[in-house]
Amino acid sequence: MRETERPPARRRFLTFAAALPASLGLSTLRANAQQAMIPTAPDMEGPFYISNMPVTATLNRWGKTGEAMRIAGQVLSAAEGNAPIAGAKLEIWQTDGRGVYHPEENGDYADFNDADLDMRGTVLADAMGRFDVLSVFPKEYWPRPPHIHYRISADGFATLITQHYLDTAPRERPHRTAQVIRDGSPAVFPAPTIYLTPL
């Protein structure tokens, strides 16, 4: 090819760039997968899970003592890091401000008197995958730091059981730990973003 017949430099570069993934054995799918996020790690269910708790705007249903706090976060697809999971169902439970679960038993909502069930409930994410619920700061109990239990489910995604940790920095789980923001009333726990794995 004579020099005058060579394509312009910009066209040569774009042709090279387009061919590069294939030359390296990378597919378009692999390139898109780079936008995925690491799914939120599971954690032990822990004690005293009660299934089928009613949907609520406050976990502190019966006025237990403790520092008032809002839990606010978002549920996203791990396959697409910015894709919200609308309507994700979060079953949340924790201790009160004295480090006590209500009740200290496992079971189903139908097995208990409603007045005996507190510091727990079901929260539904909105169209953007966001959730927000009133609570109190859970007190630690030996040997556990302050923490919140979650069971999160959504159509088309694997159910996740995990925990978030408050005002602590466990070396092995920094991605599930956040500081409570106390410059407003109530204080806010900005829950780490939850990434679910598609089925």
N, C-alpha and C. Protein backbone atom coordinates (compact mmCIF):
# COMPACT_ATOMS: atom_id res chain seq x y z
N MET A 1 0.85 -1.19 0.00
CA MET A 1 0.00 0.00 0.00
C MET A 1 0.88 1.24 0.00
N ARG A 2 0.61 2.18 -0.94
CA ARG A 2 1.38 3.42 -0.98
C ARG A 2 0.98 4.29 0.20
N GLU A 3 1.89 5.17 0.62
CA GLU A 3 1.64 6.02 1.77
C GLU A 3 0.36 6.83 1.60
N THR A 4 0.10 7.25 0.34
CA THR A 4 -1.10 8.07 0.11
C THR A 4 -2.39 7.27 0.29
N GLU A 5 -2.30 5.91 0.29
CA GLU A 5 -3.48 5.07 0.43
C GLU A 5 -3.73 4.64 1.88
N ARG A 6 -2.83 4.95 2.79
CA ARG A 6 -3.00 4.55 4.19
C ARG A 6 -4.16 5.31 4.81
N PRO A 7 -5.01 4.64 5.59
CA PRO A 7 -6.12 5.36 6.22
C PRO A 7 -5.59 6.39 7.21
N PRO A 8 -6.36 7.43 7.49
CA PRO A 8 -5.92 8.44 8.46
C PRO A 8 -5.58 7.79 9.80
N ALA A 9 -4.70 8.46 10.54
CA ALA A 9 -4.21 7.92 11.81
C ALA A 9 -5.35 7.64 12.78
N ARG A 10 -6.37 8.51 12.87
CA ARG A 10 -7.49 8.31 13.80
C ARG A 10 -8.22 7.03 13.47
N ARG A 11 -8.47 6.78 12.14
CA ARG A 11 -9.17 5.57 11.75
C ARG A 11 -8.35 4.33 12.08
N ARG A 12 -7.02 4.42 11.87
CA ARG A 12 -6.15 3.27 12.19
C ARG A 12 -6.21 2.97 13.68
N PHE A 13 -6.22 4.04 14.53
CA PHE A 13 -6.26 3.83 15.98
C PHE A 13 -7.57 3.18 16.41
N LEU A 14 -8.71 3.68 15.85
CA LEU A 14 -10.00 3.12 16.23
C LEU A 14 -10.13 1.67 15.81
N THR A 15 -9.58 1.33 14.64
CA THR A 15 -9.61 -0.06 14.18
C THR A 15 -8.80 -0.94 15.12
N PHE A 16 -7.63 -0.43 15.54
CA PHE A 16 -6.77 -1.17 16.48
C PHE A 16 -7.47 -1.36 17.83
N ALA A 17 -8.09 -0.27 18.32
CA ALA A 17 -8.75 -0.34 19.63
C ALA A 17 -9.91 -1.32 19.61
N ALA A 18 -10.66 -1.34 18.49
CA ALA A 18 -11.79 -2.25 18.40
C ALA A 18 -11.35 -3.70 18.37
N ALA A 19 -10.18 -3.97 17.78
CA ALA A 19 -9.69 -5.34 17.66
C ALA A 19 -8.96 -5.81 18.90
N LEU A 20 -8.57 -4.88 19.78
CA LEU A 20 -7.74 -5.24 20.93
C LEU A 20 -8.38 -6.26 21.86
N PRO A 21 -9.67 -6.10 22.28
CA PRO A 21 -10.24 -7.12 23.17
C PRO A 21 -10.18 -8.52 22.59
N ALA A 22 -10.50 -8.66 21.29
CA ALA A 22 -10.46 -9.98 20.67
C ALA A 22 -9.05 -10.52 20.63
N SER A 23 -8.07 -9.65 20.36
CA SER A 23 -6.69 -10.12 20.27
C SER A 23 -6.18 -10.59 21.62
N LEU A 24 -6.77 -10.05 22.70
CA LEU A 24 -6.37 -10.47 24.05
C LEU A 24 -7.25 -11.58 24.60
N GLY A 25 -8.19 -12.04 23.77
CA GLY A 25 -9.07 -13.12 24.23
C GLY A 25 -10.19 -12.62 25.11
N LEU A 26 -10.51 -11.32 25.04
CA LEU A 26 -11.57 -10.76 25.86
C LEU A 26 -12.82 -10.58 25.02
N SER A 27 -13.94 -11.01 25.51
CA SER A 27 -15.21 -10.84 24.79
C SER A 27 -15.89 -9.57 25.24
N THR A 28 -16.90 -9.15 24.49
CA THR A 28 -17.71 -8.01 24.90
C THR A 28 -18.35 -8.28 26.25
N LEU A 29 -18.80 -9.52 26.46
CA LEU A 29 -19.41 -9.90 27.74
C LEU A 29 -18.44 -9.68 28.88
N ARG A 30 -17.18 -10.07 28.66
CA ARG A 30 -16.17 -9.90 29.71
C ARG A 30 -15.96 -8.42 30.01
N ALA A 31 -15.94 -7.61 28.94
CA ALA A 31 -15.75 -6.18 29.15
C ALA A 31 -16.90 -5.60 29.96
N ASN A 32 -18.14 -6.01 29.64
CA ASN A 32 -19.30 -5.53 30.39
C ASN A 32 -19.26 -5.99 31.83
N ALA A 33 -18.73 -7.19 32.06
CA ALA A 33 -18.68 -7.73 33.42
C ALA A 33 -17.81 -6.89 34.34
N GLN A 34 -16.95 -6.07 33.75
CA GLN A 34 -16.10 -5.23 34.58
C GLN A 34 -16.92 -4.20 35.34
N GLN A 35 -18.18 -3.97 34.90
CA GLN A 35 -19.05 -3.03 35.59
C GLN A 35 -19.74 -3.68 36.79
N ALA A 36 -19.61 -4.99 36.92
CA ALA A 36 -20.25 -5.70 38.03
C ALA A 36 -19.56 -5.35 39.35
N MET A 37 -20.29 -5.57 40.44
CA MET A 37 -19.76 -5.33 41.78
C MET A 37 -19.62 -6.65 42.51
N ILE A 38 -18.77 -6.67 43.51
CA ILE A 38 -18.63 -7.87 44.34
C ILE A 38 -19.89 -8.01 45.18
N PRO A 39 -20.56 -9.16 45.12
CA PRO A 39 -21.78 -9.33 45.94
C PRO A 39 -21.47 -9.15 47.43
N THR A 40 -22.42 -8.63 48.16
CA THR A 40 -22.26 -8.49 49.61
C THR A 40 -22.04 -9.86 50.23
N ALA A 41 -21.03 -9.96 51.07
CA ALA A 41 -20.69 -11.24 51.67
C ALA A 41 -21.76 -11.68 52.65
N PRO A 42 -22.10 -12.97 52.64
CA PRO A 42 -23.05 -13.47 53.65
C PRO A 42 -22.41 -13.48 55.03
N ASP A 43 -23.24 -13.55 56.02
CA ASP A 43 -22.78 -13.67 57.40
C ASP A 43 -23.73 -14.64 58.09
N MET A 44 -23.38 -15.07 59.28
CA MET A 44 -24.24 -16.00 59.99
C MET A 44 -25.59 -15.36 60.27
N GLU A 45 -26.63 -16.18 60.24
CA GLU A 45 -27.96 -15.65 60.55
C GLU A 45 -28.01 -15.11 61.97
N GLY A 46 -27.29 -15.75 62.84
CA GLY A 46 -27.32 -15.32 64.23
C GLY A 46 -28.61 -15.74 64.91
N PRO A 47 -28.78 -15.28 66.14
CA PRO A 47 -29.93 -15.76 66.93
C PRO A 47 -31.22 -15.02 66.63
N PHE A 48 -32.32 -15.69 66.89
CA PHE A 48 -33.61 -15.06 67.11
C PHE A 48 -34.24 -14.44 65.86
N TYR A 49 -34.12 -15.12 64.72
CA TYR A 49 -34.82 -14.69 63.52
C TYR A 49 -36.28 -15.10 63.61
N ILE A 50 -37.17 -14.16 63.35
CA ILE A 50 -38.62 -14.41 63.31
C ILE A 50 -39.10 -14.14 61.88
N SER A 51 -39.64 -15.14 61.23
CA SER A 51 -40.10 -14.97 59.86
C SER A 51 -41.47 -14.29 59.80
N ASN A 52 -41.77 -13.71 58.64
CA ASN A 52 -43.08 -13.12 58.33
C ASN A 52 -43.47 -11.96 59.23
N MET A 53 -42.47 -11.20 59.68
CA MET A 53 -42.80 -9.98 60.43
C MET A 53 -43.50 -8.99 59.50
N PRO A 54 -44.45 -8.20 60.03
CA PRO A 54 -45.16 -7.25 59.18
C PRO A 54 -44.25 -6.12 58.67
N VAL A 55 -44.66 -5.54 57.54
CA VAL A 55 -43.95 -4.37 57.01
C VAL A 55 -44.13 -3.22 58.00
N THR A 56 -43.04 -2.49 58.25
CA THR A 56 -43.08 -1.44 59.26
C THR A 56 -42.20 -0.27 58.86
N ALA A 57 -42.47 0.90 59.44
CA ALA A 57 -41.64 2.08 59.26
C ALA A 57 -40.69 2.27 60.43
N THR A 58 -40.86 1.45 61.48
CA THR A 58 -39.97 1.52 62.64
C THR A 58 -39.75 0.12 63.21
N LEU A 59 -38.51 -0.22 63.49
CA LEU A 59 -38.22 -1.50 64.14
C LEU A 59 -38.59 -1.43 65.62
N ASN A 60 -38.54 -0.24 66.18
CA ASN A 60 -38.85 -0.05 67.60
C ASN A 60 -40.36 0.09 67.76
N ARG A 61 -41.06 -1.01 67.53
CA ARG A 61 -42.52 -0.99 67.43
C ARG A 61 -43.20 -0.68 68.76
N TRP A 62 -42.55 -1.03 69.87
CA TRP A 62 -43.18 -0.87 71.17
C TRP A 62 -42.37 0.04 72.10
N GLY A 63 -41.53 0.88 71.54
CA GLY A 63 -40.89 1.94 72.33
C GLY A 63 -39.81 1.48 73.30
N LYS A 64 -38.94 0.60 72.85
CA LYS A 64 -37.81 0.20 73.70
C LYS A 64 -36.83 1.36 73.88
N THR A 65 -36.10 1.33 74.99
CA THR A 65 -35.15 2.41 75.27
C THR A 65 -33.92 2.28 74.37
N GLY A 66 -33.31 3.42 74.06
CA GLY A 66 -32.10 3.43 73.25
C GLY A 66 -31.97 4.73 72.48
N GLU A 67 -30.80 4.97 71.94
CA GLU A 67 -30.55 6.17 71.14
C GLU A 67 -31.29 6.06 69.81
N ALA A 68 -32.20 7.00 69.54
CA ALA A 68 -32.97 6.97 68.30
C ALA A 68 -32.04 7.05 67.09
N MET A 69 -32.36 6.27 66.06
CA MET A 69 -31.49 6.18 64.90
C MET A 69 -32.31 5.74 63.69
N ARG A 70 -31.98 6.27 62.51
CA ARG A 70 -32.55 5.81 61.25
C ARG A 70 -31.52 4.93 60.55
N ILE A 71 -31.98 3.84 59.95
CA ILE A 71 -31.14 2.99 59.11
C ILE A 71 -31.53 3.31 57.67
N ALA A 72 -30.57 3.77 56.87
CA ALA A 72 -30.87 4.14 55.49
C ALA A 72 -29.82 3.54 54.57
N GLY A 73 -30.27 2.87 53.50
CA GLY A 73 -29.33 2.25 52.58
C GLY A 73 -29.97 1.97 51.24
N GLN A 74 -29.31 1.12 50.45
CA GLN A 74 -29.79 0.81 49.10
C GLN A 74 -29.42 -0.62 48.75
N VAL A 75 -30.29 -1.27 47.97
CA VAL A 75 -30.07 -2.63 47.49
C VAL A 75 -29.90 -2.56 45.97
N LEU A 76 -28.76 -3.07 45.47
CA LEU A 76 -28.44 -3.02 44.05
C LEU A 76 -28.08 -4.41 43.54
N SER A 77 -28.13 -4.55 42.22
CA SER A 77 -27.71 -5.81 41.58
C SER A 77 -26.20 -5.86 41.48
N ALA A 78 -25.60 -6.97 41.90
CA ALA A 78 -24.16 -7.12 41.78
C ALA A 78 -23.72 -7.25 40.33
N ALA A 79 -24.64 -7.68 39.45
CA ALA A 79 -24.30 -7.84 38.04
C ALA A 79 -24.14 -6.50 37.35
N GLU A 80 -24.89 -5.49 37.82
CA GLU A 80 -24.80 -4.14 37.29
C GLU A 80 -24.78 -3.22 38.50
N GLY A 81 -23.62 -2.71 38.82
CA GLY A 81 -23.43 -2.01 40.08
C GLY A 81 -24.33 -0.83 40.33
N ASN A 82 -24.95 -0.26 39.26
CA ASN A 82 -25.81 0.90 39.46
C ASN A 82 -27.28 0.57 39.25
N ALA A 83 -27.64 -0.72 39.18
CA ALA A 83 -29.03 -1.12 38.91
C ALA A 83 -29.76 -1.39 40.23
N PRO A 84 -30.73 -0.53 40.59
CA PRO A 84 -31.45 -0.75 41.85
C PRO A 84 -32.38 -1.95 41.76
N ILE A 85 -32.64 -2.57 42.89
CA ILE A 85 -33.58 -3.69 42.97
C ILE A 85 -34.84 -3.17 43.64
N ALA A 86 -35.79 -2.75 42.82
CA ALA A 86 -37.04 -2.20 43.35
C ALA A 86 -37.81 -3.28 44.10
N GLY A 87 -38.37 -2.90 45.25
CA GLY A 87 -39.21 -3.82 46.01
C GLY A 87 -38.46 -4.90 46.76
N ALA A 88 -37.13 -4.81 46.84
CA ALA A 88 -36.38 -5.80 47.63
C ALA A 88 -36.95 -5.86 49.05
N LYS A 89 -37.05 -7.05 49.57
CA LYS A 89 -37.64 -7.28 50.90
C LYS A 89 -36.51 -7.48 51.90
N LEU A 90 -36.45 -6.59 52.88
CA LEU A 90 -35.42 -6.67 53.93
C LEU A 90 -36.09 -7.04 55.25
N GLU A 91 -35.76 -8.20 55.77
CA GLU A 91 -36.19 -8.58 57.11
C GLU A 91 -35.03 -8.23 58.04
N ILE A 92 -35.30 -7.35 58.98
CA ILE A 92 -34.24 -6.77 59.82
C ILE A 92 -34.55 -7.04 61.28
N TRP A 93 -33.50 -7.40 62.03
CA TRP A 93 -33.68 -7.56 63.48
C TRP A 93 -32.39 -7.20 64.19
N GLN A 94 -32.51 -6.78 65.44
CA GLN A 94 -31.36 -6.29 66.20
C GLN A 94 -31.71 -6.27 67.68
N THR A 95 -30.73 -5.93 68.51
CA THR A 95 -31.00 -5.74 69.94
C THR A 95 -31.52 -4.33 70.17
N ASP A 96 -32.06 -4.12 71.36
CA ASP A 96 -32.46 -2.77 71.76
C ASP A 96 -31.25 -2.05 72.37
N GLY A 97 -31.51 -0.92 73.02
CA GLY A 97 -30.43 -0.13 73.60
C GLY A 97 -29.80 -0.75 74.83
N ARG A 98 -30.30 -1.90 75.26
CA ARG A 98 -29.71 -2.61 76.41
C ARG A 98 -29.03 -3.90 75.98
N GLY A 99 -29.04 -4.19 74.68
CA GLY A 99 -28.41 -5.41 74.19
C GLY A 99 -29.31 -6.63 74.27
N VAL A 100 -30.63 -6.42 74.26
CA VAL A 100 -31.59 -7.51 74.41
C VAL A 100 -32.40 -7.66 73.13
N TYR A 101 -32.59 -8.92 72.68
CA TYR A 101 -33.50 -9.22 71.57
C TYR A 101 -34.91 -9.44 72.11
N HIS A 102 -35.91 -9.11 71.30
CA HIS A 102 -37.31 -9.29 71.70
C HIS A 102 -38.06 -10.04 70.60
N PRO A 103 -38.35 -11.34 70.78
CA PRO A 103 -37.96 -12.17 71.92
C PRO A 103 -36.60 -12.83 71.67
N GLU A 104 -36.11 -13.51 72.66
CA GLU A 104 -34.88 -14.28 72.50
C GLU A 104 -35.27 -15.71 72.10
N GLU A 105 -35.95 -15.78 70.97
CA GLU A 105 -36.43 -17.05 70.42
C GLU A 105 -36.46 -16.96 68.91
N ASN A 106 -36.45 -18.13 68.24
CA ASN A 106 -36.67 -18.21 66.80
C ASN A 106 -38.12 -18.62 66.56
N GLY A 107 -38.61 -18.41 65.34
CA GLY A 107 -39.96 -18.87 65.03
C GLY A 107 -40.59 -18.06 63.92
N ASP A 108 -41.90 -18.08 63.88
CA ASP A 108 -42.68 -17.36 62.90
C ASP A 108 -43.57 -16.35 63.63
N TYR A 109 -43.88 -15.28 62.96
CA TYR A 109 -44.72 -14.23 63.55
C TYR A 109 -45.99 -14.80 64.17
N ALA A 110 -46.59 -15.78 63.50
CA ALA A 110 -47.85 -16.35 63.98
C ALA A 110 -47.68 -17.11 65.30
N ASP A 111 -46.44 -17.43 65.68
CA ASP A 111 -46.20 -18.20 66.90
C ASP A 111 -46.19 -17.33 68.15
N PHE A 112 -46.24 -16.01 68.00
CA PHE A 112 -46.04 -15.11 69.13
C PHE A 112 -47.19 -14.11 69.25
N ASN A 113 -47.30 -13.52 70.43
CA ASN A 113 -48.15 -12.35 70.60
C ASN A 113 -47.43 -11.15 69.98
N ASP A 114 -48.16 -10.33 69.25
CA ASP A 114 -47.52 -9.20 68.57
C ASP A 114 -46.76 -8.31 69.55
N ALA A 115 -47.29 -8.12 70.75
CA ALA A 115 -46.67 -7.23 71.73
C ALA A 115 -45.31 -7.74 72.21
N ASP A 116 -45.03 -9.03 71.97
CA ASP A 116 -43.74 -9.59 72.40
C ASP A 116 -42.65 -9.44 71.33
N LEU A 117 -43.03 -8.94 70.16
CA LEU A 117 -42.10 -8.84 69.03
C LEU A 117 -41.70 -7.39 68.83
N ASP A 118 -40.41 -7.12 69.04
CA ASP A 118 -39.93 -5.74 68.91
C ASP A 118 -38.51 -5.74 68.37
N MET A 119 -38.06 -4.57 67.95
CA MET A 119 -36.73 -4.36 67.36
C MET A 119 -36.52 -5.28 66.15
N ARG A 120 -37.56 -5.40 65.36
CA ARG A 120 -37.53 -6.25 64.17
C ARG A 120 -38.70 -5.88 63.28
N GLY A 121 -38.59 -6.23 61.99
CA GLY A 121 -39.69 -5.98 61.07
C GLY A 121 -39.24 -6.15 59.63
N THR A 122 -40.19 -6.03 58.72
CA THR A 122 -39.92 -6.13 57.29
C THR A 122 -39.98 -4.74 56.67
N VAL A 123 -38.98 -4.45 55.83
CA VAL A 123 -38.88 -3.16 55.16
C VAL A 123 -38.78 -3.43 53.66
N LEU A 124 -39.51 -2.66 52.85
CA LEU A 124 -39.49 -2.82 51.41
C LEU A 124 -38.74 -1.67 50.76
N ALA A 125 -37.81 -2.02 49.86
CA ALA A 125 -37.06 -0.99 49.14
C ALA A 125 -37.96 -0.29 48.13
N ASP A 126 -37.68 0.99 47.86
CA ASP A 126 -38.50 1.74 46.90
C ASP A 126 -38.02 1.47 45.48
N ALA A 127 -38.51 2.25 44.53
CA ALA A 127 -38.21 2.02 43.11
C ALA A 127 -36.72 2.15 42.81
N MET A 128 -35.98 2.87 43.64
CA MET A 128 -34.54 3.03 43.45
C MET A 128 -33.73 2.08 44.34
N GLY A 129 -34.43 1.10 44.94
CA GLY A 129 -33.74 0.14 45.80
C GLY A 129 -33.39 0.69 47.17
N ARG A 130 -33.87 1.89 47.49
CA ARG A 130 -33.52 2.51 48.77
C ARG A 130 -34.46 2.04 49.89
N PHE A 131 -33.91 1.98 51.09
CA PHE A 131 -34.74 1.66 52.26
C PHE A 131 -34.38 2.60 53.40
N ASP A 132 -35.34 2.81 54.29
CA ASP A 132 -35.18 3.77 55.38
C ASP A 132 -36.14 3.35 56.48
N VAL A 133 -35.62 3.11 57.68
CA VAL A 133 -36.48 2.66 58.77
C VAL A 133 -35.95 3.23 60.09
N LEU A 134 -36.87 3.59 60.98
CA LEU A 134 -36.48 4.08 62.29
C LEU A 134 -36.09 2.92 63.19
N SER A 135 -35.15 3.18 64.10
CA SER A 135 -34.68 2.14 65.01
C SER A 135 -34.04 2.82 66.21
N VAL A 136 -33.26 2.05 66.96
CA VAL A 136 -32.38 2.61 67.99
C VAL A 136 -30.99 2.00 67.79
N PHE A 137 -29.99 2.65 68.35
CA PHE A 137 -28.63 2.12 68.25
C PHE A 137 -28.58 0.80 69.02
N PRO A 138 -28.24 -0.31 68.35
CA PRO A 138 -28.19 -1.60 69.05
C PRO A 138 -26.97 -1.69 69.96
N LYS A 139 -27.21 -2.08 71.19
CA LYS A 139 -26.09 -2.20 72.12
C LYS A 139 -25.34 -3.50 71.88
N GLU A 140 -24.03 -3.45 72.05
CA GLU A 140 -23.23 -4.67 71.91
C GLU A 140 -23.51 -5.63 73.07
N TYR A 141 -23.24 -6.88 72.84
CA TYR A 141 -23.26 -7.86 73.93
C TYR A 141 -22.05 -8.77 73.69
N TRP A 142 -21.40 -9.15 74.75
CA TRP A 142 -20.15 -9.90 74.63
C TRP A 142 -20.38 -11.22 73.90
N PRO A 143 -19.55 -11.56 72.91
CA PRO A 143 -18.37 -10.81 72.43
C PRO A 143 -18.67 -10.04 71.15
N ARG A 144 -19.95 -9.73 70.86
CA ARG A 144 -20.33 -9.10 69.60
C ARG A 144 -20.33 -7.59 69.68
N PRO A 145 -19.80 -6.90 68.64
CA PRO A 145 -19.95 -5.45 68.56
C PRO A 145 -21.38 -5.11 68.17
N PRO A 146 -21.78 -3.83 68.24
CA PRO A 146 -23.13 -3.46 67.79
C PRO A 146 -23.34 -3.87 66.33
N HIS A 147 -24.46 -4.51 66.05
CA HIS A 147 -24.69 -5.02 64.70
C HIS A 147 -26.18 -5.13 64.41
N ILE A 148 -26.50 -5.24 63.11
CA ILE A 148 -27.87 -5.37 62.62
C ILE A 148 -27.92 -6.58 61.71
N HIS A 149 -28.93 -7.43 61.89
CA HIS A 149 -29.12 -8.62 61.07
C HIS A 149 -30.05 -8.31 59.90
N TYR A 150 -29.75 -8.91 58.74
CA TYR A 150 -30.60 -8.75 57.55
C TYR A 150 -30.83 -10.10 56.89
N ARG A 151 -32.04 -10.27 56.38
CA ARG A 151 -32.35 -11.33 55.42
C ARG A 151 -33.01 -10.63 54.24
N ILE A 152 -32.34 -10.62 53.08
CA ILE A 152 -32.79 -9.81 51.95
C ILE A 152 -33.15 -10.73 50.79
N SER A 153 -34.35 -10.53 50.24
CA SER A 153 -34.81 -11.36 49.13
C SER A 153 -35.45 -10.48 48.07
N ALA A 154 -35.38 -10.95 46.82
CA ALA A 154 -36.00 -10.25 45.69
C ALA A 154 -36.13 -11.24 44.55
N ASP A 155 -37.18 -11.08 43.74
CA ASP A 155 -37.38 -11.96 42.60
C ASP A 155 -36.17 -11.91 41.67
N GLY A 156 -35.68 -13.10 41.29
CA GLY A 156 -34.57 -13.18 40.37
C GLY A 156 -33.20 -13.07 41.00
N PHE A 157 -33.15 -13.01 42.34
CA PHE A 157 -31.88 -12.87 43.04
C PHE A 157 -31.78 -13.90 44.17
N ALA A 158 -30.56 -14.30 44.47
CA ALA A 158 -30.33 -15.22 45.58
C ALA A 158 -30.59 -14.50 46.90
N THR A 159 -31.28 -15.16 47.82
CA THR A 159 -31.52 -14.58 49.14
C THR A 159 -30.20 -14.44 49.89
N LEU A 160 -30.03 -13.30 50.53
CA LEU A 160 -28.80 -13.00 51.26
C LEU A 160 -29.09 -12.83 52.74
N ILE A 161 -28.32 -13.51 53.57
CA ILE A 161 -28.35 -13.29 55.02
C ILE A 161 -27.01 -12.68 55.39
N THR A 162 -27.05 -11.51 56.00
CA THR A 162 -25.80 -10.83 56.32
C THR A 162 -25.99 -9.96 57.56
N GLN A 163 -24.96 -9.21 57.92
CA GLN A 163 -25.02 -8.31 59.06
C GLN A 163 -24.26 -7.03 58.72
N HIS A 164 -24.65 -5.93 59.36
CA HIS A 164 -23.90 -4.68 59.31
C HIS A 164 -23.41 -4.36 60.71
N TYR A 165 -22.25 -3.72 60.77
CA TYR A 165 -21.60 -3.42 62.04
C TYR A 165 -21.50 -1.91 62.21
N LEU A 166 -21.77 -1.42 63.41
CA LEU A 166 -21.86 0.01 63.67
C LEU A 166 -20.69 0.50 64.51
N ASP A 167 -20.11 1.63 64.10
CA ASP A 167 -19.08 2.30 64.89
C ASP A 167 -17.94 1.38 65.30
N THR A 168 -17.67 0.40 64.48
CA THR A 168 -16.55 -0.50 64.73
C THR A 168 -15.82 -0.71 63.41
N ALA A 169 -14.61 -1.24 63.46
CA ALA A 169 -13.85 -1.45 62.23
C ALA A 169 -13.23 -2.84 62.21
N PRO A 170 -14.06 -3.88 62.18
CA PRO A 170 -13.49 -5.23 62.11
C PRO A 170 -12.64 -5.37 60.85
N ARG A 171 -11.41 -5.83 61.00
CA ARG A 171 -10.46 -5.87 59.90
C ARG A 171 -10.97 -6.72 58.74
N GLU A 172 -11.73 -7.77 59.04
CA GLU A 172 -12.13 -8.69 57.98
C GLU A 172 -13.43 -8.28 57.30
N ARG A 173 -14.09 -7.21 57.71
CA ARG A 173 -15.36 -6.84 57.10
C ARG A 173 -15.57 -5.33 57.04
N PRO A 174 -14.57 -4.58 56.56
CA PRO A 174 -14.74 -3.12 56.51
C PRO A 174 -15.86 -2.68 55.58
N HIS A 175 -16.18 -3.49 54.57
CA HIS A 175 -17.23 -3.15 53.62
C HIS A 175 -18.62 -3.30 54.22
N ARG A 176 -18.72 -3.82 55.43
CA ARG A 176 -20.03 -3.95 56.09
C ARG A 176 -20.07 -3.19 57.40
N THR A 177 -19.21 -2.17 57.53
CA THR A 177 -19.13 -1.38 58.74
C THR A 177 -19.32 0.10 58.39
N ALA A 178 -20.08 0.82 59.17
CA ALA A 178 -20.26 2.25 58.94
C ALA A 178 -20.39 2.98 60.27
N GLN A 179 -20.01 4.25 60.25
CA GLN A 179 -20.12 5.10 61.42
C GLN A 179 -21.51 5.74 61.44
N VAL A 180 -22.10 5.79 62.62
CA VAL A 180 -23.38 6.48 62.79
C VAL A 180 -23.13 7.99 62.74
N ILE A 181 -23.96 8.71 61.98
CA ILE A 181 -23.84 10.16 61.86
C ILE A 181 -24.76 10.78 62.91
N ARG A 182 -24.16 11.47 63.86
CA ARG A 182 -24.92 11.96 65.01
C ARG A 182 -25.12 13.48 64.99
N ASP A 183 -24.96 14.13 63.85
CA ASP A 183 -25.11 15.59 63.82
C ASP A 183 -26.55 16.01 63.53
N GLY A 184 -27.48 15.09 63.57
CA GLY A 184 -28.89 15.40 63.42
C GLY A 184 -29.70 14.57 64.40
N SER A 185 -30.99 14.77 64.42
CA SER A 185 -31.86 13.99 65.31
C SER A 185 -33.06 13.49 64.50
N PRO A 186 -33.23 12.17 64.37
CA PRO A 186 -32.38 11.15 64.99
C PRO A 186 -31.05 10.98 64.26
N ALA A 187 -30.13 10.27 64.91
CA ALA A 187 -28.89 9.91 64.25
C ALA A 187 -29.18 9.02 63.05
N VAL A 188 -28.23 8.94 62.12
CA VAL A 188 -28.43 8.13 60.91
C VAL A 188 -27.32 7.10 60.79
N PHE A 189 -27.71 5.84 60.55
CA PHE A 189 -26.75 4.81 60.20
C PHE A 189 -26.81 4.64 58.69
N PRO A 190 -25.79 5.15 57.96
CA PRO A 190 -25.77 5.00 56.49
C PRO A 190 -25.32 3.59 56.13
N ALA A 191 -26.27 2.68 56.07
CA ALA A 191 -25.95 1.26 55.87
C ALA A 191 -25.13 1.07 54.60
N PRO A 192 -24.07 0.28 54.64
CA PRO A 192 -23.32 -0.02 53.41
C PRO A 192 -24.25 -0.59 52.35
N THR A 193 -24.00 -0.22 51.09
CA THR A 193 -24.83 -0.68 49.99
C THR A 193 -24.82 -2.21 49.94
N ILE A 194 -25.99 -2.79 49.71
CA ILE A 194 -26.15 -4.23 49.65
C ILE A 194 -26.24 -4.65 48.17
N TYR A 195 -25.36 -5.54 47.74
CA TYR A 195 -25.35 -6.04 46.37
C TYR A 195 -25.79 -7.50 46.35
N LEU A 196 -26.90 -7.76 45.65
CA LEU A 196 -27.43 -9.11 45.55
C LEU A 196 -26.96 -9.80 44.26
N THR A 197 -26.84 -11.13 44.33
CA THR A 197 -26.39 -11.94 43.19
C THR A 197 -27.59 -12.43 42.39
N PRO A 198 -27.63 -12.13 41.08
CA PRO A 198 -28.74 -12.66 40.26
C PRO A 198 -28.71 -14.19 40.20
N LEU A 199 -29.88 -14.79 40.07
CA LEU A 199 -29.97 -16.25 39.94
C LEU A 199 -29.57 -16.66 38.53
